Amino acid sequence: MRLEGIETFSVAPPTGIGGSSWLLVRVTTDDGVQGIGECYGIPFAPPVARAMVTDVFDRYLAGEEPQRVETMFRRVYSAGFTQRPDPTMMSIFSGVEMAAWDVVGKARGVPVVELLGGRFHDHLRTYTYLYPRSVHDPDAVDDGDPYHEPDAAAARAREYLAEGWTAVKQDPTGPYGFQGGRELSLVELDRSVRNATAIREAIGDSADLLFGTHGQMTTSSAVRLARRLEPLDPLWFEEPVPPDQVDGLARVAASTSIPVACGERLTTRREFHDVLRAGVTILQPQIGRCGGIWETKKIAVLAELFNVQIAPHIYCGPVAHAAAAHVAASSPDFLILETIRPA
């Protein structure tokens, strides 16, 4: 059985949440078995990204046996005489690699988790962002902005708690920009603390509070905010500085009792090893970007050696979500999985 053909599909998320578009792939083997995968975050227009996926498949992966994911990874990782992490190439490969695992699972009549060592967890804990009501129900009326207004954030937290969620996340530091690290103003610092305080008071000890910042801050600003948030005991402080500031991550991690999390913009175990050495204690691999199922499994194993846990990042489509769930279920150091919709 060998990989023979590939189709690509660009899909707009129905709610606008989960990325600007989902790039799905479907591979077919020479004996007709099909598998699906998902590429995440390729920073090009969908027609260009789809052509890139097809090009990589045709040049490096077509004709290969689908179970030879290690060989395929090394071939693509080394393309262009690089042999170094490349976010776009790894996003492309991740989607095709997921599809290859799907093919192997179907050919052998077992779910992919059984090919990764079997289930370690029978149930997976999940968390949600505090999205406006209208994200889940277009006819719903939003009472304020849960992203930036404490009362609205607290109200949504209570509603999610009533649905059964045991962890909620918010990023009130934004809006997100391309500047890189910046010093938050006193107004932004105060807003962040007031929002987090309102959420904590709303959920009490019944759920965890996860605090994300999307790499908005300078190292000094992240330290200032972490000290203000420590009394609220968040489960984590996510991406406190831009993802290329590994030394900054180390300084933040050393300055706070809050576990520091990151990983959604990293790719391959090489970059995850760097942040583990910097003191990050919760890894958030995005399976559609970091190298696919096998590379994510390696990242999970690497995390065990540092006595830390993984919390796969899920701001994507359903295929990558499902693939991450298979890796999570097979990994002893799994902590929690991001989920966008309640069902």
C-alpha atoms as a PDB file:
ATOM      1  CA  MET A   1       0.000   0.000   0.000  1.00  0.00           C
ATOM      2  CA  ARG A   2       1.426   3.369  -1.050  1.00  0.00           C
ATOM      3  CA  LEU A   3       0.280   6.981  -1.052  1.00  0.00           C
ATOM      4  CA  GLU A   4      -0.924   7.796  -4.537  1.00  0.00           C
ATOM      5  CA  GLY A   5      -2.962  11.019  -4.642  1.00  0.00           C
ATOM      6  CA  ILE A   6      -4.020  14.037  -2.603  1.00  0.00           C
ATOM      7  CA  GLU A   7      -6.959  16.441  -2.582  1.00  0.00           C
ATOM      8  CA  THR A   8      -7.104  19.707  -0.635  1.00  0.00           C
ATOM      9  CA  PHE A   9     -10.083  21.658   0.667  1.00  0.00           C
ATOM     10  CA  SER A  10     -10.315  25.140   2.159  1.00  0.00           C
ATOM     11  CA  VAL A  11     -13.275  25.455   4.542  1.00  0.00           C
ATOM     12  CA  ALA A  12     -14.562  28.578   6.262  1.00  0.00           C
ATOM     13  CA  PRO A  13     -15.367  27.967   9.962  1.00  0.00           C
ATOM     14  CA  PRO A  14     -19.152  28.201  10.414  1.00  0.00           C
ATOM     15  CA  THR A  15     -18.889  30.504  13.451  1.00  0.00           C
ATOM     16  CA  GLY A  16     -15.739  32.399  12.525  1.00  0.00           C
ATOM     17  CA  ILE A  17     -13.999  30.776  15.502  1.00  0.00           C
ATOM     18  CA  GLY A  18     -11.147  28.378  14.889  1.00  0.00           C
ATOM     19  CA  GLY A  19      -9.117  30.322  12.350  1.00  0.00           C
ATOM     20  CA  SER A  20      -9.851  32.231   9.157  1.00  0.00           C
ATOM     21  CA  SER A  21     -10.072  28.963   7.209  1.00  0.00           C
ATOM     22  CA  TRP A  22      -9.433  25.262   7.670  1.00  0.00           C
ATOM     23  CA  LEU A  23      -7.155  23.539   5.176  1.00  0.00           C
ATOM     24  CA  LEU A  24      -8.161  19.886   5.008  1.00  0.00           C
ATOM     25  CA  VAL A  25      -6.412  17.196   2.983  1.00  0.00           C
ATOM     26  CA  ARG A  26      -7.509  13.779   1.767  1.00  0.00           C
ATOM     27  CA  VAL A  27      -4.939  11.248   0.613  1.00  0.00           C
ATOM     28  CA  THR A  28      -5.686   8.084  -1.318  1.00  0.00           C
ATOM     29  CA  THR A  29      -3.545   4.968  -1.567  1.00  0.00           C
ATOM     30  CA  ASP A  30      -2.992   2.795  -4.615  1.00  0.00           C
ATOM     31  CA  ASP A  31      -5.506   0.303  -3.236  1.00  0.00           C
ATOM     32  CA  GLY A  32      -8.205   2.898  -2.550  1.00  0.00           C
ATOM     33  CA  VAL A  33      -7.883   3.560   1.179  1.00  0.00           C
ATOM     34  CA  GLN A  34      -8.447   7.218   2.041  1.00  0.00           C
ATOM     35  CA  GLY A  35      -7.309   9.272   5.017  1.00  0.00           C
ATOM     36  CA  ILE A  36      -7.972  12.846   6.083  1.00  0.00           C
ATOM     37  CA  GLY A  37      -5.770  15.415   7.806  1.00  0.00           C
ATOM     38  CA  GLU A  38      -5.615  19.124   8.578  1.00  0.00           C
ATOM     39  CA  CYS A  39      -2.873  21.711   8.087  1.00  0.00           C
ATOM     40  CA  TYR A  40      -2.871  24.594  10.557  1.00  0.00           C
ATOM     41  CA  GLY A  41      -1.869  28.218  10.173  1.00  0.00           C
ATOM     42  CA  ILE A  42      -0.143  28.276   6.770  1.00  0.00           C
ATOM     43  CA  PRO A  43       0.352  32.061   6.389  1.00  0.00           C
ATOM     44  CA  PHE A  44      -0.716  32.288   2.756  1.00  0.00           C
ATOM     45  CA  ALA A  45      -4.015  32.672   0.915  1.00  0.00           C
ATOM     46  CA  PRO A  46      -5.944  29.382   0.668  1.00  0.00           C
ATOM     47  CA  PRO A  47      -5.314  28.792  -3.067  1.00  0.00           C
ATOM     48  CA  VAL A  48      -1.568  29.265  -2.541  1.00  0.00           C
ATOM     49  CA  ALA A  49      -1.536  27.085   0.572  1.00  0.00           C
ATOM     50  CA  ARG A  50      -3.425  24.312  -1.208  1.00  0.00           C
ATOM     51  CA  ALA A  51      -0.933  24.406  -4.086  1.00  0.00           C
ATOM     52  CA  MET A  52       1.951  24.206  -1.594  1.00  0.00           C
ATOM     53  CA  VAL A  53       0.457  21.111   0.041  1.00  0.00           C
ATOM     54  CA  THR A  54       0.050  19.415  -3.323  1.00  0.00           C
ATOM     55  CA  ASP A  55       3.598  20.331  -4.329  1.00  0.00           C
ATOM     56  CA  VAL A  56       5.128  18.906  -1.149  1.00  0.00           C
ATOM     57  CA  PHE A  57       3.102  15.721  -1.485  1.00  0.00           C
ATOM     58  CA  ASP A  58       4.014  15.210  -5.141  1.00  0.00           C
ATOM     59  CA  ARG A  59       7.740  15.836  -4.642  1.00  0.00           C
ATOM     60  CA  TYR A  60       8.428  14.174  -1.299  1.00  0.00           C
ATOM     61  CA  LEU A  61       5.605  11.865  -0.217  1.00  0.00           C
ATOM     62  CA  ALA A  62       3.821  10.329  -3.215  1.00  0.00           C
ATOM     63  CA  GLY A  63       4.645   6.662  -3.655  1.00  0.00           C
ATOM     64  CA  GLU A  64       5.667   6.202  -0.015  1.00  0.00           C
ATOM     65  CA  GLU A  65       4.192   3.604   2.321  1.00  0.00           C
ATOM     66  CA  PRO A  66       1.843   5.472   4.709  1.00  0.00           C
ATOM     67  CA  GLN A  67       3.258   3.834   7.845  1.00  0.00           C
ATOM     68  CA  ARG A  68       6.745   5.215   7.171  1.00  0.00           C
ATOM     69  CA  VAL A  69       6.020   8.514   8.918  1.00  0.00           C
ATOM     70  CA  GLU A  70       9.548   8.785  10.326  1.00  0.00           C
ATOM     71  CA  THR A  71      11.067   8.563   6.858  1.00  0.00           C
ATOM     72  CA  MET A  72       8.555  11.038   5.452  1.00  0.00           C
ATOM     73  CA  PHE A  73       9.204  13.488   8.277  1.00  0.00           C
ATOM     74  CA  ARG A  74      12.969  13.439   7.749  1.00  0.00           C
ATOM     75  CA  ARG A  75      12.577  13.860   3.997  1.00  0.00           C
ATOM     76  CA  VAL A  76      10.342  16.925   4.349  1.00  0.00           C
ATOM     77  CA  TYR A  77      12.281  18.338   7.318  1.00  0.00           C
ATOM     78  CA  SER A  78      15.424  18.259   5.199  1.00  0.00           C
ATOM     79  CA  ALA A  79      13.828  19.663   2.035  1.00  0.00           C
ATOM     80  CA  GLY A  80      15.672  22.638   0.611  1.00  0.00           C
ATOM     81  CA  PHE A  81      18.795  21.672   2.569  1.00  0.00           C
ATOM     82  CA  THR A  82      17.225  23.028   5.775  1.00  0.00           C
ATOM     83  CA  GLN A  83      17.036  20.397   8.522  1.00  0.00           C
ATOM     84  CA  ARG A  84      15.582  22.940  10.924  1.00  0.00           C
ATOM     85  CA  PRO A  85      12.088  23.891  12.173  1.00  0.00           C
ATOM     86  CA  ASP A  86      10.053  25.611   9.474  1.00  0.00           C
ATOM     87  CA  PRO A  87       6.463  26.492  10.488  1.00  0.00           C
ATOM     88  CA  THR A  88       5.019  26.474   6.982  1.00  0.00           C
ATOM     89  CA  MET A  89       6.654  23.235   5.880  1.00  0.00           C
ATOM     90  CA  MET A  90       5.719  21.532   9.130  1.00  0.00           C
ATOM     91  CA  SER A  91       2.116  22.748   8.850  1.00  0.00           C
ATOM     92  CA  ILE A  92       1.947  21.224   5.390  1.00  0.00           C
ATOM     93  CA  PHE A  93       3.518  17.985   6.533  1.00  0.00           C
ATOM     94  CA  SER A  94       1.355  17.773   9.650  1.00  0.00           C
ATOM     95  CA  GLY A  95      -1.841  17.586   7.639  1.00  0.00           C
ATOM     96  CA  VAL A  96      -0.537  14.936   5.261  1.00  0.00           C
ATOM     97  CA  GLU A  97       0.978  12.957   8.121  1.00  0.00           C
ATOM     98  CA  MET A  98      -2.363  12.923   9.974  1.00  0.00           C
ATOM     99  CA  ALA A  99      -3.973  11.564   6.833  1.00  0.00           C
ATOM    100  CA  ALA A 100      -1.320   8.849   6.580  1.00  0.00           C
ATOM    101  CA  TRP A 101      -2.058   7.721  10.146  1.00  0.00           C
ATOM    102  CA  ASP A 102      -5.762   7.682   9.272  1.00  0.00           C
ATOM    103  CA  VAL A 103      -4.982   5.419   6.326  1.00  0.00           C
ATOM    104  CA  VAL A 104      -2.945   3.015   8.459  1.00  0.00           C
ATOM    105  CA  GLY A 105      -5.643   2.878  11.132  1.00  0.00           C
ATOM    106  CA  LYS A 106      -8.335   2.131   8.568  1.00  0.00           C
ATOM    107  CA  ALA A 107      -6.216  -0.505   6.833  1.00  0.00           C
ATOM    108  CA  ARG A 108      -5.623  -2.288  10.139  1.00  0.00           C
ATOM    109  CA  GLY A 109      -9.138  -1.786  11.445  1.00  0.00           C
ATOM    110  CA  VAL A 110      -8.153   0.079  14.622  1.00  0.00           C
ATOM    111  CA  PRO A 111      -8.348   3.698  15.817  1.00  0.00           C
ATOM    112  CA  VAL A 112      -5.077   5.619  15.660  1.00  0.00           C
ATOM    113  CA  VAL A 113      -4.799   5.738  19.455  1.00  0.00           C
ATOM    114  CA  GLU A 114      -4.231   1.966  19.403  1.00  0.00           C
ATOM    115  CA  LEU A 115      -1.225   2.523  17.115  1.00  0.00           C
ATOM    116  CA  LEU A 116       0.281   4.990  19.618  1.00  0.00           C
ATOM    117  CA  GLY A 117       0.481   2.601  22.546  1.00  0.00           C
ATOM    118  CA  GLY A 118      -3.222   2.333  23.285  1.00  0.00           C
ATOM    119  CA  ARG A 119      -5.441   4.385  25.557  1.00  0.00           C
ATOM    120  CA  PHE A 120      -3.938   5.569  28.805  1.00  0.00           C
ATOM    121  CA  HIS A 121      -6.884   7.884  29.554  1.00  0.00           C
ATOM    122  CA  ASP A 122     -10.465   6.750  29.109  1.00  0.00           C
ATOM    123  CA  HIS A 123     -11.725  10.335  29.406  1.00  0.00           C
ATOM    124  CA  LEU A 124     -10.175  13.650  28.372  1.00  0.00           C
ATOM    125  CA  ARG A 125     -10.686  16.827  30.355  1.00  0.00           C
ATOM    126  CA  THR A 126     -11.374  19.893  28.200  1.00  0.00           C
ATOM    127  CA  TYR A 127     -11.574  23.661  28.605  1.00  0.00           C
ATOM    128  CA  THR A 128     -13.122  26.548  26.692  1.00  0.00           C
ATOM    129  CA  TYR A 129     -12.441  30.204  26.083  1.00  0.00           C
ATOM    130  CA  LEU A 130     -15.051  32.602  27.398  1.00  0.00           C
ATOM    131  CA  TYR A 131     -16.696  33.203  24.038  1.00  0.00           C
ATOM    132  CA  PRO A 132     -19.680  35.527  23.574  1.00  0.00           C
ATOM    133  CA  ARG A 133     -23.020  33.718  23.566  1.00  0.00           C
ATOM    134  CA  SER A 134     -23.477  34.549  19.870  1.00  0.00           C
ATOM    135  CA  VAL A 135     -20.497  32.338  18.951  1.00  0.00           C
ATOM    136  CA  HIS A 136     -22.508  29.239  19.866  1.00  0.00           C
ATOM    137  CA  ASP A 137     -25.964  30.631  19.111  1.00  0.00           C
ATOM    138  CA  PRO A 138     -26.330  33.345  16.435  1.00  0.00           C
ATOM    139  CA  ASP A 139     -29.724  34.285  17.854  1.00  0.00           C
ATOM    140  CA  ALA A 140     -28.393  34.856  21.359  1.00  0.00           C
ATOM    141  CA  VAL A 141     -28.012  38.323  22.834  1.00  0.00           C
ATOM    142  CA  ASP A 142     -24.604  39.221  24.253  1.00  0.00           C
ATOM    143  CA  ASP A 143     -24.652  41.146  27.516  1.00  0.00           C
ATOM    144  CA  GLY A 144     -21.393  43.010  27.149  1.00  0.00           C
ATOM    145  CA  ASP A 145     -17.948  41.938  25.986  1.00  0.00           C
ATOM    146  CA  PRO A 146     -16.660  38.852  27.860  1.00  0.00           C
ATOM    147  CA  TYR A 147     -13.194  39.411  26.395  1.00  0.00           C
ATOM    148  CA  HIS A 148     -12.650  42.726  28.177  1.00  0.00           C
ATOM    149  CA  GLU A 149     -15.528  43.477  30.575  1.00  0.00           C
ATOM    150  CA  PRO A 150     -15.383  41.845  34.053  1.00  0.00           C
ATOM    151  CA  ASP A 151     -19.133  41.530  34.573  1.00  0.00           C
ATOM    152  CA  ALA A 152     -19.682  39.966  31.150  1.00  0.00           C
ATOM    153  CA  ALA A 153     -16.722  37.633  31.656  1.00  0.00           C
ATOM    154  CA  ALA A 154     -18.064  36.508  35.035  1.00  0.00           C
ATOM    155  CA  ALA A 155     -21.535  35.907  33.614  1.00  0.00           C
ATOM    156  CA  ARG A 156     -20.193  33.729  30.802  1.00  0.00           C
ATOM    157  CA  ALA A 157     -17.961  31.846  33.243  1.00  0.00           C
ATOM    158  CA  ARG A 158     -20.991  30.980  35.382  1.00  0.00           C
ATOM    159  CA  GLU A 159     -22.877  29.808  32.298  1.00  0.00           C
ATOM    160  CA  TYR A 160     -20.032  27.563  31.195  1.00  0.00           C
ATOM    161  CA  LEU A 161     -19.700  26.237  34.732  1.00  0.00           C
ATOM    162  CA  ALA A 162     -23.393  25.317  34.681  1.00  0.00           C
ATOM    163  CA  GLU A 163     -22.781  23.390  31.434  1.00  0.00           C
ATOM    164  CA  GLY A 164     -20.209  21.257  33.232  1.00  0.00           C
ATOM    165  CA  TRP A 165     -16.903  22.818  32.217  1.00  0.00           C
ATOM    166  CA  THR A 166     -14.150  22.568  34.820  1.00  0.00           C
ATOM    167  CA  ALA A 167     -11.754  25.101  33.280  1.00  0.00           C
ATOM    168  CA  VAL A 168     -12.193  28.395  31.415  1.00  0.00           C
ATOM    169  CA  LYS A 169      -9.684  30.647  29.685  1.00  0.00           C
ATOM    170  CA  GLN A 170      -9.490  34.318  28.818  1.00  0.00           C
ATOM    171  CA  ASP A 171      -7.102  36.854  27.299  1.00  0.00           C
ATOM    172  CA  PRO A 172      -8.116  40.392  28.304  1.00  0.00           C
ATOM    173  CA  THR A 173      -4.688  41.960  27.572  1.00  0.00           C
ATOM    174  CA  GLY A 174      -5.244  42.606  23.852  1.00  0.00           C
ATOM    175  CA  PRO A 175      -6.200  43.474  21.256  1.00  0.00           C
ATOM    176  CA  TYR A 176      -3.664  41.199  19.618  1.00  0.00           C
ATOM    177  CA  GLY A 177      -1.183  42.958  17.346  1.00  0.00           C
ATOM    178  CA  PHE A 178       1.901  42.225  15.277  1.00  0.00           C
ATOM    179  CA  GLN A 179       4.149  44.564  17.257  1.00  0.00           C
ATOM    180  CA  GLY A 180       5.632  41.850  19.434  1.00  0.00           C
ATOM    181  CA  GLY A 181       6.338  42.487  23.084  1.00  0.00           C
ATOM    182  CA  ARG A 182       5.053  45.743  24.547  1.00  0.00           C
ATOM    183  CA  GLU A 183       4.710  47.184  28.023  1.00  0.00           C
ATOM    184  CA  LEU A 184       1.093  47.015  29.120  1.00  0.00           C
ATOM    185  CA  SER A 185      -0.363  50.263  30.366  1.00  0.00           C
ATOM    186  CA  LEU A 186      -1.675  50.556  33.898  1.00  0.00           C
ATOM    187  CA  VAL A 187      -5.179  50.534  32.404  1.00  0.00           C
ATOM    188  CA  GLU A 188      -4.476  47.236  30.617  1.00  0.00           C
ATOM    189  CA  LEU A 189      -2.890  45.707  33.698  1.00  0.00           C
ATOM    190  CA  ASP A 190      -5.851  46.772  35.810  1.00  0.00           C
ATOM    191  CA  ARG A 191      -8.359  45.438  33.276  1.00  0.00           C
ATOM    192  CA  SER A 192      -6.582  42.080  33.176  1.00  0.00           C
ATOM    193  CA  VAL A 193      -6.623  41.739  36.944  1.00  0.00           C
ATOM    194  CA  ARG A 194     -10.249  42.906  37.278  1.00  0.00           C
ATOM    195  CA  ASN A 195     -11.388  40.415  34.639  1.00  0.00           C
ATOM    196  CA  ALA A 196      -9.452  37.547  36.178  1.00  0.00           C
ATOM    197  CA  THR A 197     -10.734  38.460  39.641  1.00  0.00           C
ATOM    198  CA  ALA A 198     -14.337  38.548  38.432  1.00  0.00           C
ATOM    199  CA  ILE A 199     -13.964  35.142  36.799  1.00  0.00           C
ATOM    200  CA  ARG A 200     -12.354  33.636  39.890  1.00  0.00           C
ATOM    201  CA  GLU A 201     -15.138  34.993  42.095  1.00  0.00           C
ATOM    202  CA  ALA A 202     -17.722  33.592  39.675  1.00  0.00           C
ATOM    203  CA  ILE A 203     -16.297  30.068  39.502  1.00  0.00           C
ATOM    204  CA  GLY A 204     -14.706  29.812  42.935  1.00  0.00           C
ATOM    205  CA  ASP A 205     -12.824  26.557  43.331  1.00  0.00           C
ATOM    206  CA  SER A 206     -15.208  24.672  41.043  1.00  0.00           C
ATOM    207  CA  ALA A 207     -13.109  25.300  37.939  1.00  0.00           C
ATOM    208  CA  ASP A 208      -9.622  26.305  36.925  1.00  0.00           C
ATOM    209  CA  LEU A 209      -8.823  29.745  35.571  1.00  0.00           C
ATOM    210  CA  LEU A 210      -6.496  29.764  32.567  1.00  0.00           C
ATOM    211  CA  PHE A 211      -4.914  33.072  31.637  1.00  0.00           C
ATOM    212  CA  GLY A 212      -3.664  33.643  28.087  1.00  0.00           C
ATOM    213  CA  THR A 213      -1.929  36.679  26.579  1.00  0.00           C
ATOM    214  CA  HIS A 214      -0.918  35.640  23.028  1.00  0.00           C
ATOM    215  CA  GLY A 215       2.657  36.818  23.486  1.00  0.00           C
ATOM    216  CA  GLN A 216       1.709  40.473  23.842  1.00  0.00           C
ATOM    217  CA  MET A 217       4.174  41.601  26.499  1.00  0.00           C
ATOM    218  CA  THR A 218       7.756  42.466  27.096  1.00  0.00           C
ATOM    219  CA  THR A 219       9.428  40.305  29.691  1.00  0.00           C
ATOM    220  CA  SER A 220       9.205  43.036  32.345  1.00  0.00           C
ATOM    221  CA  SER A 221       5.505  43.597  31.664  1.00  0.00           C
ATOM    222  CA  ALA A 222       4.808  39.867  31.893  1.00  0.00           C
ATOM    223  CA  VAL A 223       6.541  39.737  35.277  1.00  0.00           C
ATOM    224  CA  ARG A 224       4.485  42.696  36.523  1.00  0.00           C
ATOM    225  CA  LEU A 225       1.223  41.075  35.416  1.00  0.00           C
ATOM    226  CA  ALA A 226       2.135  37.663  36.812  1.00  0.00           C
ATOM    227  CA  ARG A 227       2.713  39.155  40.260  1.00  0.00           C
ATOM    228  CA  ARG A 228      -0.726  40.769  40.133  1.00  0.00           C
ATOM    229  CA  LEU A 229      -2.375  37.485  39.085  1.00  0.00           C
ATOM    230  CA  GLU A 230      -0.682  35.143  41.561  1.00  0.00           C
ATOM    231  CA  PRO A 231      -3.286  35.590  44.342  1.00  0.00           C
ATOM    232  CA  LEU A 232      -5.942  34.255  41.909  1.00  0.00           C
ATOM    233  CA  ASP A 233      -4.004  30.983  41.448  1.00  0.00           C
ATOM    234  CA  PRO A 234      -4.447  30.475  37.678  1.00  0.00           C
ATOM    235  CA  LEU A 235      -3.702  27.022  36.316  1.00  0.00           C
ATOM    236  CA  TRP A 236      -1.348  28.671  33.838  1.00  0.00           C
ATOM    237  CA  PHE A 237       0.048  31.900  32.394  1.00  0.00           C
ATOM    238  CA  GLU A 238       0.025  31.322  28.630  1.00  0.00           C
ATOM    239  CA  GLU A 239       2.476  32.810  26.131  1.00  0.00           C
ATOM    240  CA  PRO A 240       3.515  35.719  28.357  1.00  0.00           C
ATOM    241  CA  VAL A 241       6.082  36.904  25.791  1.00  0.00           C
ATOM    242  CA  PRO A 242       6.451  36.459  22.004  1.00  0.00           C
ATOM    243  CA  PRO A 243       7.273  32.866  21.023  1.00  0.00           C
ATOM    244  CA  ASP A 244      10.788  33.690  19.815  1.00  0.00           C
ATOM    245  CA  GLN A 245      11.791  35.130  23.213  1.00  0.00           C
ATOM    246  CA  VAL A 246      12.980  31.958  24.925  1.00  0.00           C
ATOM    247  CA  ASP A 247      15.226  33.830  27.366  1.00  0.00           C
ATOM    248  CA  GLY A 248      12.243  35.997  28.268  1.00  0.00           C
ATOM    249  CA  LEU A 249      10.155  32.904  28.936  1.00  0.00           C
ATOM    250  CA  ALA A 250      12.860  31.691  31.288  1.00  0.00           C
ATOM    251  CA  ARG A 251      12.871  34.968  33.211  1.00  0.00           C
ATOM    252  CA  VAL A 252       9.081  34.975  33.548  1.00  0.00           C
ATOM    253  CA  ALA A 253       8.967  31.324  34.620  1.00  0.00           C
ATOM    254  CA  ALA A 254      11.633  31.963  37.262  1.00  0.00           C
ATOM    255  CA  SER A 255       9.798  34.987  38.637  1.00  0.00           C
ATOM    256  CA  THR A 256       6.320  33.538  39.255  1.00  0.00           C
ATOM    257  CA  SER A 257       4.622  30.626  41.001  1.00  0.00           C
ATOM    258  CA  ILE A 258       2.073  30.408  38.162  1.00  0.00           C
ATOM    259  CA  PRO A 259       2.898  27.588  35.713  1.00  0.00           C
ATOM    260  CA  VAL A 260       3.989  29.056  32.384  1.00  0.00           C
ATOM    261  CA  ALA A 261       2.471  27.500  29.259  1.00  0.00           C
ATOM    262  CA  CYS A 262       3.278  27.902  25.579  1.00  0.00           C
ATOM    263  CA  GLY A 263       3.567  25.999  22.322  1.00  0.00           C
ATOM    264  CA  GLU A 264       0.810  26.863  19.851  1.00  0.00           C
ATOM    265  CA  ARG A 265       3.297  28.695  17.605  1.00  0.00           C
ATOM    266  CA  LEU A 266       6.200  26.294  18.017  1.00  0.00           C
ATOM    267  CA  THR A 267       7.121  23.488  15.674  1.00  0.00           C
ATOM    268  CA  THR A 268       9.004  20.210  16.140  1.00  0.00           C
ATOM    269  CA  ARG A 269      10.472  18.799  19.314  1.00  0.00           C
ATOM    270  CA  ARG A 270      13.558  20.979  18.839  1.00  0.00           C
ATOM    271  CA  GLU A 271      11.693  24.169  19.750  1.00  0.00           C
ATOM    272  CA  PHE A 272       9.744  22.460  22.511  1.00  0.00           C
ATOM    273  CA  HIS A 273      12.988  21.242  24.038  1.00  0.00           C
ATOM    274  CA  ASP A 274      14.213  24.851  24.120  1.00  0.00           C
ATOM    275  CA  VAL A 275      11.188  26.072  26.090  1.00  0.00           C
ATOM    276  CA  LEU A 276      11.310  23.091  28.437  1.00  0.00           C
ATOM    277  CA  ARG A 277      14.874  24.040  29.294  1.00  0.00           C
ATOM    278  CA  ALA A 278      13.641  27.600  29.858  1.00  0.00           C
ATOM    279  CA  GLY A 279      11.258  26.418  32.585  1.00  0.00           C
ATOM    280  CA  VAL A 280       7.919  26.142  30.783  1.00  0.00           C
ATOM    281  CA  THR A 281       5.828  23.583  32.659  1.00  0.00           C
ATOM    282  CA  ILE A 282       2.821  23.114  30.361  1.00  0.00           C
ATOM    283  CA  LEU A 283       3.324  22.435  26.658  1.00  0.00           C
ATOM    284  CA  GLN A 284       0.611  23.319  24.141  1.00  0.00           C
ATOM    285  CA  PRO A 285       1.513  21.670  20.830  1.00  0.00           C
ATOM    286  CA  GLN A 286      -0.750  22.489  17.886  1.00  0.00           C
ATOM    287  CA  ILE A 287      -0.831  19.147  16.092  1.00  0.00           C
ATOM    288  CA  GLY A 288      -1.518  20.721  12.690  1.00  0.00           C
ATOM    289  CA  ARG A 289       1.632  22.841  12.928  1.00  0.00           C
ATOM    290  CA  CYS A 290       4.206  21.132  15.139  1.00  0.00           C
ATOM    291  CA  GLY A 291       4.863  18.138  12.880  1.00  0.00           C
ATOM    292  CA  GLY A 292       1.811  15.909  13.072  1.00  0.00           C
ATOM    293  CA  ILE A 293       0.763  12.986  15.223  1.00  0.00           C
ATOM    294  CA  TRP A 294       4.129  11.244  15.596  1.00  0.00           C
ATOM    295  CA  GLU A 295       6.014  14.456  16.360  1.00  0.00           C
ATOM    296  CA  THR A 296       3.380  15.489  18.904  1.00  0.00           C
ATOM    297  CA  LYS A 297       3.737  12.097  20.564  1.00  0.00           C
ATOM    298  CA  LYS A 298       7.492  12.661  20.741  1.00  0.00           C
ATOM    299  CA  ILE A 299       6.902  16.084  22.297  1.00  0.00           C
ATOM    300  CA  ALA A 300       4.676  14.443  24.916  1.00  0.00           C
ATOM    301  CA  VAL A 301       7.386  11.886  25.714  1.00  0.00           C
ATOM    302  CA  LEU A 302       9.969  14.670  25.941  1.00  0.00           C
ATOM    303  CA  ALA A 303       7.719  16.539  28.370  1.00  0.00           C
ATOM    304  CA  GLU A 304       7.680  13.500  30.668  1.00  0.00           C
ATOM    305  CA  LEU A 305      11.444  13.741  31.046  1.00  0.00           C
ATOM    306  CA  PHE A 306      11.007  17.268  32.414  1.00  0.00           C
ATOM    307  CA  ASN A 307       8.106  16.217  34.674  1.00  0.00           C
ATOM    308  CA  VAL A 308       5.676  18.565  32.922  1.00  0.00           C
ATOM    309  CA  GLN A 309       2.362  18.046  31.125  1.00  0.00           C
ATOM    310  CA  ILE A 310       0.822  18.660  27.722  1.00  0.00           C
ATOM    311  CA  ALA A 311      -2.343  20.599  26.945  1.00  0.00           C
ATOM    312  CA  PRO A 312      -2.798  20.404  23.163  1.00  0.00           C
ATOM    313  CA  HIS A 313      -3.820  23.688  21.559  1.00  0.00           C
ATOM    314  CA  ILE A 314      -7.054  23.488  19.575  1.00  0.00           C
ATOM    315  CA  TYR A 315      -7.970  26.607  17.628  1.00  0.00           C
ATOM    316  CA  CYS A 316      -8.550  24.809  14.351  1.00  0.00           C
ATOM    317  CA  GLY A 317     -10.963  22.484  12.617  1.00  0.00           C
ATOM    318  CA  PRO A 318     -12.412  19.147  13.686  1.00  0.00           C
ATOM    319  CA  VAL A 319      -9.826  16.912  12.006  1.00  0.00           C
ATOM    320  CA  ALA A 320      -6.834  18.308  13.900  1.00  0.00           C
ATOM    321  CA  HIS A 321      -8.983  18.282  17.035  1.00  0.00           C
ATOM    322  CA  ALA A 322      -9.662  14.577  16.621  1.00  0.00           C
ATOM    323  CA  ALA A 323      -6.000  13.831  15.935  1.00  0.00           C
ATOM    324  CA  ALA A 324      -4.930  15.687  19.071  1.00  0.00           C
ATOM    325  CA  ALA A 325      -7.454  13.712  21.094  1.00  0.00           C
ATOM    326  CA  HIS A 326      -5.852  10.437  19.964  1.00  0.00           C
ATOM    327  CA  VAL A 327      -2.390  11.619  21.056  1.00  0.00           C
ATOM    328  CA  ALA A 328      -3.792  12.968  24.325  1.00  0.00           C
ATOM    329  CA  ALA A 329      -5.574   9.724  25.142  1.00  0.00           C
ATOM    330  CA  SER A 330      -2.338   7.769  24.681  1.00  0.00           C
ATOM    331  CA  SER A 331      -0.110  10.126  26.723  1.00  0.00           C
ATOM    332  CA  PRO A 332       0.306   9.701  30.502  1.00  0.00           C
ATOM    333  CA  ASP A 333       1.323  13.360  30.893  1.00  0.00           C
ATOM    334  CA  PHE A 334      -1.839  14.757  29.293  1.00  0.00           C
ATOM    335  CA  LEU A 335      -3.416  17.565  31.333  1.00  0.00           C
ATOM    336  CA  ILE A 336      -6.300  19.141  29.423  1.00  0.00           C
ATOM    337  CA  LEU A 337      -7.478  19.685  25.850  1.00  0.00           C
ATOM    338  CA  GLU A 338      -8.774  22.922  24.387  1.00  0.00           C
ATOM    339  CA  THR A 339     -12.261  22.704  22.851  1.00  0.00           C
ATOM    340  CA  ILE A 340     -14.207  25.390  21.022  1.00  0.00           C
ATOM    341  CA  ARG A 341     -17.761  24.100  21.034  1.00  0.00           C
ATOM    342  CA  PRO A 342     -19.677  22.343  23.811  1.00  0.00           C
ATOM    343  CA  ALA A 343     -20.519  19.369  21.606  1.00  0.00           C
END
